[in-house]
Amino acid sequence: LKLTFRGVPDGSARGHFAGRCVPLMRALPSMRASRRRGGAAPWWRRRLPCCAAMLRAASGAVCGSTFSAGTDLATSTAGNVRALAYIDDGGSNQFLAAGGEDTILRVWTLSPLSATPRLYRGHDETIWALEWIAALNVLASGSGDGTIRLWPLSVLAADQACSGIADCCDGSGLGCQGEHVLSWTITGMTRRRQIHSLEWVPGSGSAGTLVSAWGDGAIRTWIYDGTSWSFGVDLQADGNDIKDRAYDMVWMAGASVLATGSEDWPHPRLWSSLTAAKSAPYVFLEKAASEDVCPSTFAHCDAVLALAADSAGNKLASGSRDKSIILWTASTKVRIATLTAHTDYVTSLAWLDSEGKLASGSADGTIMLWDATVTADATAAAETLTGHSGTVGAVVWMENQKMLAGADSSGNVKLWTCV
C-alpha cells in the first residue's frame, strides 16, 4: 500500500494511518465475520470512518471510476417506487428503505445484503417521500394520505415475528404503524393534501426541524425540541405566490438556506428563514438578463423536479423537466455549469461526495454519473447506467456500502456497485 499524503507532515496523519489503520484493514475480514448486530458500534467500526477519510485525503476516491450492476431488488408488485432512503446509524445497522404507490414501506438489510425486504404497513396512500433523521435514529415517511409517520430504528431493525406484512413486529404496541404520526389535521388545513417531499434541518443536540412540502404548494415545518413534536409554521408567502407543490427540497448547511424546486418556476427557491410564517423571505437562483432566453444553457426553461447538495451545503444541483442539470453556488446564487445528456426529464439527483460525482436519474430510464467538480458546461456524462425499465424517480448514494440505488416507475430497485 503506497500513499502520498499531500501537505501532511511526516509523523502526523502518516504515522497514525500506518500505526492504526493499516493493521485494522488487514484484520477487517475476520472482524466483519464475527461482528455483532445492534447495540453500540464495536471499536473497529468506530475507527473505520477516520481511516476511510484519511484514505480519501491521501489517494482520492475510495472506489474506482466505474459502476457495475449489482443485486436487483425486485419489487415489481409495488407499482411505481417513489422514494428511497439510506439508513445508517453509524454502527452495524445499515438499511435501504423504499416506498411507493402500494403504500408499503420496504426495508432491506445491506450488511450482509438480503434481497428479501421487511414490509411495514401504516400509510393509506402513496409514499412520496422518505427522510432518515440520524440524530433521532428515526425514518420519516410522507404520504398522499396527509400524514408523516416516524419509524424508530428499533422497529426497522427488528426481525419480524410474523410473516408477510406485520402489524405487531416490534411487540411494544407501536407495531409497524410508526411511533408518531404528524397529520394534516393539526395544521389548520381545511382538507387533506399529499406530502411530496421531506427534509430534516438539524438544530442543537437532537433538536431540529422537519420540513414538509404539500400538494397545496405550501412548505410546512414540524419542530422537535429534543423531547416532543409540534407543528411549526406555514412558509407559504401568500395564496398566489407558490402555485404548485415543491417536488424536492434540500438543506444547504454552508449557506444556511433551504432550497426547494417546484412546478411553478424554472429556478430553485432559497429560503433564509424557517420560522417566518406566511412571509418567509426567499430568493431565486436566477440567470442574468442577457441569459433570459430559452432554450438556454444558462438556466432551466421548465419546472425543477430534483435537487441535491454537496455534504458541505455550498453547492446545489438542480434537475429539470427541460432535461438539463445545473450546478449552482448557493451563497452567491451563481450558475457554475449546465450538464446536458439526458433525453427526457431529470427526475432525481444524488451527490457522491467521496467520489466527486453527481448521479442523475431520468424519465429516459438511465442513471448518469457526472464529474461534480466541473466548472464548465458538459454535454456528455462520465458514465451511463442502463437497466431500469421506467422513469428513475429516486436515486440514493450509500456511502459506507459504496453502492448507488435507483428506483423506477415499473417497481424495480437496482443496486449499482462502485468498482
Protein backbone atom coordinates (compact mmCIF):
# COMPACT_ATOMS: atom_id res chain seq x y z
CA LEU A 1 0.00 0.00 0.00
CA LYS A 2 1.68 3.19 -1.20
CA LEU A 3 0.17 6.51 -0.19
CA THR A 4 1.19 10.07 -0.83
CA PHE A 5 -0.09 12.49 1.83
CA ARG A 6 -0.27 15.86 0.14
CA GLY A 7 0.61 18.66 2.53
CA VAL A 8 0.61 16.38 5.60
CA PRO A 9 3.80 16.41 7.74
CA ASP A 10 5.59 13.13 8.40
CA GLY A 11 4.78 11.65 11.79
CA SER A 12 1.22 13.06 11.98
CA ALA A 13 -1.51 11.61 9.75
CA ARG A 14 1.04 9.36 8.02
CA GLY A 15 2.08 7.76 11.31
CA HIS A 16 -1.48 7.47 12.54
CA PHE A 17 -2.57 5.69 9.36
CA ALA A 18 0.37 3.28 9.39
CA GLY A 19 0.09 2.54 13.10
CA ARG A 20 -3.68 2.16 13.47
CA CYS A 21 -5.50 1.97 10.14
CA VAL A 22 -3.34 -0.49 8.21
CA PRO A 23 -3.50 -3.18 10.96
CA LEU A 24 -7.23 -2.56 11.20
CA MET A 25 -7.72 -3.04 7.47
CA ARG A 26 -5.72 -6.26 7.50
CA ALA A 27 -7.86 -7.67 10.30
CA LEU A 28 -11.15 -6.37 8.93
CA PRO A 29 -12.36 -9.53 7.12
CA SER A 30 -12.26 -11.69 10.25
CA MET A 31 -13.79 -8.95 12.42
CA ARG A 32 -16.63 -8.42 9.96
CA ALA A 33 -17.40 -12.13 10.04
CA SER A 34 -17.81 -12.09 13.79
CA ARG A 35 -19.37 -8.67 14.35
CA ARG A 36 -22.47 -8.33 16.44
CA ARG A 37 -25.83 -6.94 15.39
CA GLY A 38 -27.39 -3.98 17.19
CA GLY A 39 -26.09 -2.15 20.26
CA ALA A 40 -23.13 0.20 20.31
CA ALA A 41 -20.71 0.11 17.41
CA PRO A 42 -17.62 -2.04 18.12
CA TRP A 43 -14.27 -0.26 18.42
CA TRP A 44 -13.11 -1.25 14.95
CA ARG A 45 -16.32 0.06 13.34
CA ARG A 46 -15.95 3.40 15.10
CA ARG A 47 -12.40 3.79 13.77
CA LEU A 48 -13.30 2.98 10.16
CA PRO A 49 -14.71 6.42 9.19
CA CYS A 50 -11.47 8.10 10.31
CA CYS A 51 -9.34 5.68 8.32
CA ALA A 52 -11.60 5.97 5.29
CA ALA A 53 -11.34 9.75 5.43
CA MET A 54 -7.55 9.51 5.55
CA LEU A 55 -7.56 7.19 2.54
CA ARG A 56 -9.68 9.68 0.60
CA ALA A 57 -7.38 12.54 1.54
CA ALA A 58 -4.31 10.54 0.59
CA SER A 59 -5.35 8.94 -2.66
CA GLY A 60 -8.66 10.43 -3.78
CA ALA A 61 -11.84 8.40 -4.26
CA VAL A 62 -12.06 5.09 -2.41
CA CYS A 63 -13.75 3.15 -5.20
CA GLY A 64 -12.91 3.11 -8.88
CA SER A 65 -14.22 5.16 -11.74
CA THR A 66 -16.98 2.80 -12.88
CA PHE A 67 -20.11 1.14 -11.54
CA SER A 68 -21.23 -2.42 -12.15
CA ALA A 69 -24.75 -3.76 -11.86
CA GLY A 70 -25.31 -5.43 -8.53
CA THR A 71 -28.35 -7.05 -7.00
CA ASP A 72 -31.80 -6.40 -8.41
CA LEU A 73 -34.21 -5.95 -5.53
CA ALA A 74 -37.34 -6.99 -7.42
CA THR A 75 -40.41 -5.14 -6.20
CA SER A 76 -42.41 -5.08 -9.40
CA THR A 77 -45.62 -5.80 -7.49
CA ALA A 78 -45.16 -2.50 -5.68
CA GLY A 79 -46.01 -0.32 -8.66
CA ASN A 80 -44.17 2.97 -9.04
CA VAL A 81 -41.41 3.30 -6.40
CA ARG A 82 -41.36 6.99 -5.49
CA ALA A 83 -38.77 7.30 -2.72
CA LEU A 84 -35.56 5.77 -1.38
CA ALA A 85 -33.60 6.39 1.82
CA TYR A 86 -30.26 5.14 3.12
CA ILE A 87 -30.41 4.26 6.82
CA ASP A 88 -27.05 4.26 8.63
CA ASP A 89 -26.87 4.52 12.42
CA GLY A 90 -23.08 4.81 12.42
CA GLY A 91 -22.85 1.29 13.78
CA SER A 92 -23.89 -2.10 12.49
CA ASN A 93 -27.32 -1.10 11.21
CA GLN A 94 -27.38 -0.19 7.53
CA PHE A 95 -30.57 -0.49 5.51
CA LEU A 96 -32.18 0.67 2.28
CA ALA A 97 -35.81 1.81 2.52
CA ALA A 98 -38.26 2.23 -0.37
CA GLY A 99 -41.82 3.49 -0.62
CA GLY A 100 -44.27 3.94 -3.44
CA GLU A 101 -47.74 3.52 -4.83
CA ASP A 102 -48.67 0.32 -3.00
CA THR A 103 -48.37 2.23 0.35
CA ILE A 104 -45.98 -0.33 1.88
CA LEU A 105 -42.60 0.61 3.34
CA ARG A 106 -39.90 -1.89 2.33
CA VAL A 107 -36.61 -2.19 4.22
CA TRP A 108 -33.62 -4.25 3.05
CA THR A 109 -30.64 -5.14 5.22
CA LEU A 110 -27.44 -4.07 3.43
CA SER A 111 -24.74 -5.68 5.53
CA PRO A 112 -24.88 -8.52 4.83
CA LEU A 113 -27.16 -7.87 1.86
CA SER A 114 -30.57 -9.53 1.99
CA ALA A 115 -32.73 -9.46 -1.13
CA THR A 116 -35.85 -10.10 0.97
CA PRO A 117 -37.25 -6.89 2.49
CA ARG A 118 -39.12 -6.41 5.72
CA LEU A 119 -42.56 -4.97 5.00
CA TYR A 120 -44.34 -2.27 7.02
CA ARG A 121 -47.90 -1.09 6.65
CA GLY A 122 -49.23 2.18 8.01
CA HIS A 123 -49.94 4.63 5.20
CA ASP A 124 -53.20 4.53 3.26
CA GLU A 125 -51.92 6.15 0.05
CA THR A 126 -48.71 6.51 -1.99
CA ILE A 127 -45.48 7.05 -0.05
CA TRP A 128 -43.91 10.03 -1.81
CA ALA A 129 -41.02 10.91 0.49
CA LEU A 130 -38.56 9.28 2.89
CA GLU A 131 -36.04 11.06 5.14
CA TRP A 132 -33.57 9.38 7.52
CA ILE A 133 -33.08 11.51 10.68
CA ALA A 134 -29.77 10.24 12.05
CA ALA A 135 -29.90 12.39 15.20
CA LEU A 136 -33.08 10.61 16.29
CA ASN A 137 -32.48 7.19 14.68
CA VAL A 138 -35.85 7.63 13.00
CA LEU A 139 -37.09 7.30 9.41
CA ALA A 140 -39.77 9.79 8.37
CA SER A 141 -42.21 8.87 5.60
CA GLY A 142 -44.59 11.28 3.87
CA SER A 143 -47.69 10.11 2.06
CA GLY A 144 -50.66 11.08 -0.05
CA ASP A 145 -52.80 10.33 3.00
CA GLY A 146 -51.66 13.64 4.55
CA THR A 147 -49.56 12.10 7.31
CA ILE A 148 -45.90 11.81 8.22
CA ARG A 149 -45.05 8.60 10.06
CA LEU A 150 -41.89 8.27 12.15
CA TRP A 151 -40.39 4.79 12.21
CA PRO A 152 -37.83 4.15 15.01
CA LEU A 153 -34.72 2.15 14.21
CA SER A 154 -35.79 -0.45 16.77
CA VAL A 155 -38.76 -1.28 14.55
CA LEU A 156 -36.87 -1.17 11.25
CA ALA A 157 -34.03 -3.37 12.54
CA ALA A 158 -36.15 -5.97 14.33
CA ASP A 159 -36.72 -9.40 12.89
CA GLN A 160 -40.44 -9.72 12.32
CA ALA A 161 -42.14 -12.32 14.44
CA CYS A 162 -44.91 -12.80 11.94
CA SER A 163 -44.66 -13.37 8.22
CA GLY A 164 -45.73 -11.05 5.44
CA ILE A 165 -46.90 -7.56 6.35
CA ALA A 166 -46.95 -7.45 10.12
CA ASP A 167 -48.95 -5.19 12.41
CA CYS A 168 -47.08 -6.31 15.52
CA CYS A 169 -43.45 -6.55 14.51
CA ASP A 170 -41.76 -4.87 17.47
CA GLY A 171 -44.04 -6.19 20.21
CA SER A 172 -44.27 -2.84 22.00
CA GLY A 173 -47.71 -1.77 20.86
CA LEU A 174 -46.28 0.53 18.21
CA GLY A 175 -46.25 -2.28 15.71
CA CYS A 176 -45.49 -1.27 12.14
CA GLN A 177 -47.61 1.84 12.25
CA GLY A 178 -44.79 4.24 13.10
CA GLU A 179 -44.02 5.71 16.50
CA HIS A 180 -45.58 9.12 15.89
CA VAL A 181 -47.98 10.44 13.30
CA LEU A 182 -47.78 14.08 12.19
CA SER A 183 -51.07 14.83 10.46
CA TRP A 184 -52.62 17.46 8.24
CA THR A 185 -55.47 17.70 10.78
CA ILE A 186 -53.38 19.82 13.18
CA THR A 187 -52.00 22.29 10.61
CA GLY A 188 -55.13 24.36 10.06
CA MET A 189 -55.66 22.90 6.58
CA THR A 190 -59.28 22.60 5.50
CA ARG A 191 -58.76 19.32 3.67
CA ARG A 192 -56.17 16.62 3.28
CA ARG A 193 -53.27 17.13 0.88
CA GLN A 194 -50.41 14.98 -0.34
CA ILE A 195 -46.93 15.26 1.15
CA HIS A 196 -44.37 15.27 -1.65
CA SER A 197 -41.00 15.82 -0.01
CA LEU A 198 -39.33 15.92 3.40
CA GLU A 199 -36.06 17.42 4.66
CA TRP A 200 -34.52 17.39 8.15
CA VAL A 201 -32.77 20.56 9.32
CA PRO A 202 -30.62 19.83 12.39
CA GLY A 203 -30.68 22.09 15.41
CA SER A 204 -28.89 21.86 18.73
CA GLY A 205 -28.33 18.33 20.01
CA SER A 206 -31.17 16.10 18.88
CA ALA A 207 -33.50 19.05 18.28
CA GLY A 208 -34.34 20.17 14.78
CA THR A 209 -36.97 20.96 12.17
CA LEU A 210 -38.63 18.57 9.75
CA VAL A 211 -39.69 20.50 6.65
CA SER A 212 -42.54 19.10 4.55
CA ALA A 213 -43.80 20.12 1.09
CA TRP A 214 -47.51 19.65 0.38
CA GLY A 215 -49.82 19.33 -2.58
CA ASP A 216 -51.32 22.77 -2.00
CA GLY A 217 -47.94 24.40 -2.67
CA ALA A 218 -47.17 25.16 0.97
CA ILE A 219 -43.96 24.41 2.87
CA ARG A 220 -44.81 23.41 6.47
CA THR A 221 -42.46 22.81 9.37
CA TRP A 222 -42.54 20.45 12.34
CA ILE A 223 -40.43 21.18 15.40
CA TYR A 224 -38.72 18.57 17.57
CA ASP A 225 -37.43 20.17 20.78
CA GLY A 226 -35.47 17.15 21.95
CA THR A 227 -38.49 15.63 23.70
CA SER A 228 -41.66 16.03 21.65
CA TRP A 229 -43.00 17.11 18.26
CA SER A 230 -45.20 20.12 17.47
CA PHE A 231 -46.44 21.85 14.34
CA GLY A 232 -44.32 24.86 13.38
CA VAL A 233 -45.32 27.28 10.63
CA ASP A 234 -46.63 27.51 7.10
CA LEU A 235 -43.93 29.14 4.97
CA GLN A 236 -46.18 29.86 2.01
CA ALA A 237 -45.79 33.59 1.34
CA ASP A 238 -49.34 34.09 0.10
CA GLY A 239 -52.08 32.28 -1.75
CA ASN A 240 -50.87 33.40 -5.19
CA ASP A 241 -47.13 33.24 -4.65
CA ILE A 242 -46.48 29.49 -4.78
CA LYS A 243 -48.78 27.94 -7.31
CA ASP A 244 -47.75 24.32 -7.07
CA ARG A 245 -46.08 21.71 -4.91
CA ALA A 246 -42.36 21.51 -4.21
CA TYR A 247 -41.11 18.30 -5.75
CA ASP A 248 -37.84 18.28 -3.83
CA MET A 249 -36.02 20.09 -1.04
CA VAL A 250 -32.50 20.12 0.38
CA TRP A 251 -30.92 21.93 3.33
CA MET A 252 -27.79 23.88 2.39
CA ALA A 253 -25.84 23.94 5.65
CA GLY A 254 -22.96 26.00 4.29
CA ALA A 255 -25.27 28.78 3.09
CA SER A 256 -27.89 28.25 5.86
CA VAL A 257 -30.76 28.16 3.36
CA LEU A 258 -33.42 25.65 2.33
CA ALA A 259 -33.54 25.05 -1.42
CA THR A 260 -36.86 23.96 -2.98
CA GLY A 261 -37.80 23.06 -6.54
CA SER A 262 -41.38 23.29 -7.75
CA GLU A 263 -43.72 23.12 -10.71
CA ASP A 264 -44.39 26.82 -10.99
CA TRP A 265 -40.91 28.26 -11.53
CA PRO A 266 -37.84 27.14 -13.50
CA HIS A 267 -35.34 28.07 -10.78
CA PRO A 268 -34.85 26.74 -7.23
CA ARG A 269 -36.03 28.94 -4.37
CA LEU A 270 -33.71 29.59 -1.42
CA TRP A 271 -35.48 30.14 1.91
CA SER A 272 -33.46 32.01 4.53
CA SER A 273 -35.94 31.55 7.38
CA LEU A 274 -37.88 28.52 8.60
CA THR A 275 -39.80 30.44 11.27
CA ALA A 276 -41.41 33.39 9.47
CA ALA A 277 -44.97 32.14 8.98
CA LYS A 278 -46.75 33.22 5.78
CA SER A 279 -44.00 35.71 4.91
CA ALA A 280 -40.81 33.70 4.81
CA PRO A 281 -38.15 35.51 2.79
CA TYR A 282 -36.74 33.66 -0.18
CA VAL A 283 -34.78 34.41 -3.32
CA PHE A 284 -34.42 32.65 -6.63
CA LEU A 285 -31.30 31.27 -8.21
CA GLU A 286 -31.51 33.42 -11.31
CA LYS A 287 -29.93 33.91 -14.69
CA ALA A 288 -28.67 37.29 -15.85
CA ALA A 289 -30.89 39.44 -18.03
CA SER A 290 -28.70 38.70 -21.06
CA GLU A 291 -29.28 34.98 -20.48
CA ASP A 292 -33.07 35.24 -20.34
CA VAL A 293 -33.73 33.07 -23.37
CA CYS A 294 -35.00 29.53 -23.93
CA PRO A 295 -33.69 27.10 -24.87
CA SER A 296 -30.65 28.13 -22.87
CA THR A 297 -27.50 26.69 -21.33
CA PHE A 298 -27.67 29.37 -18.65
CA ALA A 299 -30.77 28.31 -16.73
CA HIS A 300 -33.71 25.94 -16.74
CA CYS A 301 -36.62 26.52 -19.09
CA ASP A 302 -39.10 24.31 -17.25
CA ALA A 303 -40.00 23.06 -13.77
CA VAL A 304 -37.31 21.92 -11.33
CA LEU A 305 -38.07 18.32 -10.36
CA ALA A 306 -34.99 17.28 -8.36
CA LEU A 307 -32.33 18.79 -6.10
CA ALA A 308 -29.14 17.62 -4.40
CA ALA A 309 -26.44 19.34 -2.35
CA ASP A 310 -22.84 18.52 -1.58
CA SER A 311 -22.05 17.49 2.00
CA ALA A 312 -20.78 20.97 2.89
CA GLY A 313 -24.05 22.51 1.77
CA ASN A 314 -22.37 25.03 -0.52
CA LYS A 315 -23.03 23.65 -3.98
CA LEU A 316 -26.50 22.86 -5.33
CA ALA A 317 -27.55 20.70 -8.27
CA SER A 318 -30.99 21.09 -9.87
CA GLY A 319 -32.61 18.77 -12.40
CA SER A 320 -35.42 19.91 -14.64
CA ARG A 321 -38.21 18.89 -16.93
CA ASP A 322 -36.16 20.56 -19.67
CA LYS A 323 -33.74 17.56 -19.44
CA SER A 324 -30.85 19.58 -18.02
CA ILE A 325 -28.92 19.71 -14.74
CA ILE A 326 -27.45 22.94 -13.39
CA LEU A 327 -24.75 23.30 -10.72
CA TRP A 328 -25.05 26.44 -8.58
CA THR A 329 -23.14 28.13 -5.78
CA ALA A 330 -25.81 28.68 -3.14
CA SER A 331 -24.23 31.61 -1.30
CA THR A 332 -23.71 33.70 -4.45
CA LYS A 333 -26.64 32.29 -6.48
CA VAL A 334 -24.27 31.95 -9.44
CA ARG A 335 -24.52 29.19 -12.03
CA ILE A 336 -21.38 27.04 -12.24
CA ALA A 337 -22.17 24.71 -15.13
CA THR A 338 -25.00 23.14 -17.10
CA LEU A 339 -24.98 19.38 -17.76
CA THR A 340 -26.96 18.05 -20.72
CA ALA A 341 -27.14 14.47 -21.99
CA HIS A 342 -30.47 13.06 -20.81
CA THR A 343 -33.17 12.69 -23.48
CA ASP A 344 -36.09 13.13 -21.08
CA TYR A 345 -36.98 14.77 -17.75
CA VAL A 346 -34.33 14.73 -14.98
CA THR A 347 -36.32 13.30 -12.08
CA SER A 348 -33.80 12.51 -9.31
CA LEU A 349 -30.32 13.50 -8.12
CA ALA A 350 -27.78 12.25 -5.57
CA TRP A 351 -24.37 13.66 -4.65
CA LEU A 352 -21.49 11.16 -4.29
CA ASP A 353 -19.21 13.33 -2.18
CA SER A 354 -16.40 10.86 -1.60
CA GLU A 355 -16.21 10.17 -5.33
CA GLY A 356 -16.61 13.75 -6.54
CA LYS A 357 -19.60 12.74 -8.66
CA LEU A 358 -23.26 13.54 -9.15
CA ALA A 359 -25.83 10.86 -10.09
CA SER A 360 -28.92 11.80 -12.09
CA GLY A 361 -31.98 9.65 -12.76
CA SER A 362 -34.26 10.39 -15.69
CA ALA A 363 -37.53 9.57 -17.40
CA ASP A 364 -35.33 8.18 -20.19
CA GLY A 365 -34.68 5.15 -17.93
CA THR A 366 -30.99 5.84 -17.32
CA ILE A 367 -28.80 6.94 -14.43
CA MET A 368 -25.92 9.19 -15.45
CA LEU A 369 -22.79 9.88 -13.42
CA TRP A 370 -21.21 13.33 -13.79
CA ASP A 371 -18.00 14.95 -12.62
CA ALA A 372 -19.34 17.17 -9.84
CA THR A 373 -16.18 19.29 -9.78
CA VAL A 374 -16.60 20.73 -13.27
CA THR A 375 -16.58 24.47 -13.81
CA ALA A 376 -17.67 24.42 -17.46
CA ASP A 377 -20.73 23.10 -19.27
CA ALA A 378 -20.73 19.41 -20.21
CA THR A 379 -22.72 17.54 -22.84
CA ALA A 380 -21.56 14.01 -22.00
CA ALA A 381 -21.75 12.14 -18.71
CA ALA A 382 -18.77 10.26 -17.28
CA GLU A 383 -20.81 7.05 -17.22
CA THR A 384 -24.35 5.93 -18.05
CA LEU A 385 -26.06 3.11 -16.15
CA THR A 386 -28.81 1.25 -18.02
CA GLY A 387 -31.19 -1.49 -16.98
CA HIS A 388 -34.15 0.34 -15.48
CA SER A 389 -37.44 -0.22 -17.27
CA GLY A 390 -39.14 3.08 -16.47
CA THR A 391 -38.62 6.58 -15.10
CA VAL A 392 -35.87 6.59 -12.47
CA GLY A 393 -37.74 8.58 -9.85
CA ALA A 394 -35.30 8.11 -6.97
CA VAL A 395 -31.56 7.61 -6.54
CA VAL A 396 -29.56 7.41 -3.31
CA TRP A 397 -25.85 7.02 -2.63
CA MET A 398 -24.94 4.63 0.20
CA GLU A 399 -21.54 5.89 1.30
CA ASN A 400 -20.39 3.10 3.58
CA GLN A 401 -21.53 0.44 1.11
CA LYS A 402 -20.07 2.22 -1.94
CA MET A 403 -23.35 1.50 -3.69
CA LEU A 404 -25.82 3.55 -5.66
CA ALA A 405 -29.50 2.58 -5.56
CA GLY A 406 -32.05 3.52 -8.18
CA ALA A 407 -35.84 3.02 -8.22
CA ASP A 408 -38.13 3.22 -11.21
CA SER A 409 -41.77 3.55 -12.20
CA SER A 410 -42.02 -0.17 -13.02
CA GLY A 411 -41.47 -1.02 -9.35
CA ASN A 412 -37.83 -2.09 -9.57
CA VAL A 413 -34.99 -1.19 -7.21
CA LYS A 414 -31.47 -1.78 -8.55
CA LEU A 415 -28.13 -1.62 -6.77
CA TRP A 416 -25.01 -0.42 -8.57
CA THR A 417 -21.61 -1.15 -7.01
CA CYS A 418 -18.64 1.17 -7.36
CA VAL A 419 -15.66 -0.89 -8.59
